[in-house]
Each structure stands twice: as structure tokens, then as C-alpha cells.
């Protein structure tokens, strides 16, 4: 039997199809016996579906740099 910590790690990776079938099977067996981890898995799945539905995306490196530059400019103007 795997630990709850390992189950949480596998659960997180399974959301992004980054886990082997064997580890996923071990997770499923663990979830049959551990209701706390089963709840975590259920809520994690719901959160992933909501994020996909919201079509969230992260900033590109250039967008991050642009934002950083803009914030630095505003910080310098505020100190003057």
C-alpha cells in the first residue's frame, strides 16, 4: 500500500497524464481504502476541470518580462 503523500503526488500527476499505468493502479487501490485521499482526488479533478473550462493560460516569457519592466518603471516613478 502506498502512503497518502505518494497518493497525493500520483493524483496530481495523473491530472496531466504524467503517471504510469502501474502507479495509477496503485493510486486507485489506495483510494478504495482511504476516504481522505479519495476526497482530495475528487476535488483535484473538479479543480482541473474548472481550470480547463475557464481556458486559463500562463504568460509567455516575453509577457512576463514586459510586465516586470512596466512594474519597475512605476516603482521608480513612485519613489521620485
C-alpha atoms as a PDB file:
ATOM      1  CA  UNK A   1       0.000   0.000   0.000  1.00  0.00           C
ATOM      2  CA  UNK A   2       1.291   3.474  -0.851  1.00  0.00           C
ATOM      3  CA  UNK A   3       1.373   6.367   1.617  1.00  0.00           C
ATOM      4  CA  UNK A   4      -1.064   9.260   1.473  1.00  0.00           C
ATOM      5  CA  UNK A   5       1.794  11.557   0.432  1.00  0.00           C
ATOM      6  CA  UNK A   6       2.627   9.315  -2.506  1.00  0.00           C
ATOM      7  CA  UNK A   7      -1.067   9.050  -3.379  1.00  0.00           C
ATOM      8  CA  UNK A   8      -1.334  12.847  -3.475  1.00  0.00           C
ATOM      9  CA  UNK A   9       1.709  13.069  -5.749  1.00  0.00           C
ATOM     10  CA  UNK A  10       0.339  10.428  -8.106  1.00  0.00           C
ATOM     11  CA  UNK A  11      -3.071  12.111  -8.075  1.00  0.00           C
ATOM     12  CA  UNK A  12      -1.549  15.440  -9.085  1.00  0.00           C
ATOM     13  CA  UNK A  13       0.487  13.869 -11.884  1.00  0.00           C
ATOM     14  CA  UNK A  14      -2.480  11.804 -13.081  1.00  0.00           C
ATOM     15  CA  UNK A  15      -4.411  15.010 -13.750  1.00  0.00           C
ATOM     16  CA  UNK A  16      -1.901  15.758 -16.509  1.00  0.00           C
ATOM     17  CA  UNK A  17      -1.392  12.172 -17.748  1.00  0.00           C
ATOM     18  CA  UNK A  18       2.138  12.123 -16.304  1.00  0.00           C
ATOM     19  CA  UNK A  19       1.852   8.832 -14.419  1.00  0.00           C
ATOM     20  CA  UNK A  20       2.413   5.231 -15.433  1.00  0.00           C
ATOM     21  CA  UNK A  21      -0.468   2.790 -15.519  1.00  0.00           C
ATOM     22  CA  UNK A  22       1.066   0.822 -12.646  1.00  0.00           C
ATOM     23  CA  UNK A  23       1.298   3.878 -10.364  1.00  0.00           C
ATOM     24  CA  UNK A  24      -2.222   4.897 -11.359  1.00  0.00           C
ATOM     25  CA  UNK A  25      -3.473   1.425 -10.407  1.00  0.00           C
ATOM     26  CA  UNK A  26      -1.730   1.729  -7.017  1.00  0.00           C
ATOM     27  CA  UNK A  27      -3.462   5.087  -6.545  1.00  0.00           C
ATOM     28  CA  UNK A  28      -6.873   3.623  -7.365  1.00  0.00           C
ATOM     29  CA  UNK A  29      -6.355   0.832  -4.829  1.00  0.00           C
ATOM     30  CA  UNK A  30      -5.277   3.369  -2.197  1.00  0.00           C
ATOM     31  CA  UNK A  31      -8.373   5.473  -2.899  1.00  0.00           C
ATOM     32  CA  UNK A  32     -10.589   2.467  -2.210  1.00  0.00           C
ATOM     33  CA  UNK A  33      -9.303   2.340   1.369  1.00  0.00           C
ATOM     34  CA  UNK A  34      -8.511   5.973   2.165  1.00  0.00           C
ATOM     35  CA  UNK A  35     -11.516   8.271   2.119  1.00  0.00           C
ATOM     36  CA  UNK A  36      -9.399  11.368   2.794  1.00  0.00           C
ATOM     37  CA  UNK A  37      -7.316  10.783  -0.325  1.00  0.00           C
ATOM     38  CA  UNK A  38     -10.452   9.896  -2.290  1.00  0.00           C
ATOM     39  CA  UNK A  39     -11.907  13.308  -1.369  1.00  0.00           C
ATOM     40  CA  UNK A  40      -8.638  15.019  -2.337  1.00  0.00           C
ATOM     41  CA  UNK A  41      -8.641  13.231  -5.677  1.00  0.00           C
ATOM     42  CA  UNK A  42     -12.256  14.184  -6.344  1.00  0.00           C
ATOM     43  CA  UNK A  43     -11.660  17.862  -5.511  1.00  0.00           C
ATOM     44  CA  UNK A  44      -8.429  17.905  -7.515  1.00  0.00           C
ATOM     45  CA  UNK A  45     -10.276  16.526 -10.544  1.00  0.00           C
ATOM     46  CA  UNK A  46     -13.031  19.133 -10.157  1.00  0.00           C
ATOM     47  CA  UNK A  47     -10.460  21.925  -9.934  1.00  0.00           C
ATOM     48  CA  UNK A  48      -8.681  20.697 -13.062  1.00  0.00           C
ATOM     49  CA  UNK A  49     -11.955  20.590 -14.991  1.00  0.00           C
ATOM     50  CA  UNK A  50     -12.852  24.113 -13.864  1.00  0.00           C
ATOM     51  CA  UNK A  51      -9.451  25.416 -14.956  1.00  0.00           C
ATOM     52  CA  UNK A  52      -9.832  23.765 -18.359  1.00  0.00           C
ATOM     53  CA  UNK A  53     -13.327  25.152 -18.717  1.00  0.00           C
ATOM     54  CA  UNK A  54     -12.103  28.644 -17.850  1.00  0.00           C
ATOM     55  CA  UNK A  55      -9.444  28.324 -20.556  1.00  0.00           C
ATOM     56  CA  UNK A  56      -6.748  29.696 -18.253  1.00  0.00           C
ATOM     57  CA  UNK A  57      -3.284  30.209 -19.644  1.00  0.00           C
ATOM     58  CA  UNK A  58       0.032  31.374 -18.278  1.00  0.00           C
ATOM     59  CA  UNK A  59       2.028  34.324 -19.520  1.00  0.00           C
ATOM     60  CA  UNK A  60       4.783  33.824 -22.051  1.00  0.00           C
ATOM     61  CA  UNK A  61       8.329  34.732 -21.062  1.00  0.00           C
ATOM     62  CA  UNK A  62       8.160  37.927 -23.126  1.00  0.00           C
ATOM     63  CA  UNK A  63       4.875  38.934 -21.461  1.00  0.00           C
ATOM     64  CA  UNK A  64       6.445  38.341 -18.041  1.00  0.00           C
ATOM     65  CA  UNK A  65       9.459  40.484 -18.930  1.00  0.00           C
ATOM     66  CA  UNK A  66       7.232  43.246 -20.274  1.00  0.00           C
ATOM     67  CA  UNK A  67       5.163  43.219 -17.076  1.00  0.00           C
ATOM     68  CA  UNK A  68       8.303  43.256 -14.936  1.00  0.00           C
ATOM     69  CA  UNK A  69       9.700  46.229 -16.853  1.00  0.00           C
ATOM     70  CA  UNK A  70       6.419  48.119 -16.516  1.00  0.00           C
ATOM     71  CA  UNK A  71       6.281  47.475 -12.768  1.00  0.00           C
ATOM     72  CA  UNK A  72       9.873  48.620 -12.335  1.00  0.00           C
ATOM     73  CA  UNK A  73       9.094  51.852 -14.200  1.00  0.00           C
ATOM     74  CA  UNK A  74       6.078  52.524 -11.983  1.00  0.00           C
ATOM     75  CA  UNK A  75       8.107  51.778  -8.863  1.00  0.00           C
ATOM     76  CA  UNK A  76      10.824  54.229  -9.925  1.00  0.00           C
ATOM     77  CA  UNK A  77       8.267  56.949 -10.691  1.00  0.00           C
ATOM     78  CA  UNK A  78       6.645  56.441  -7.276  1.00  0.00           C
ATOM     79  CA  UNK A  79       9.986  56.904  -5.466  1.00  0.00           C
ATOM     80  CA  UNK A  80      10.756  60.243  -7.163  1.00  0.00           C
END
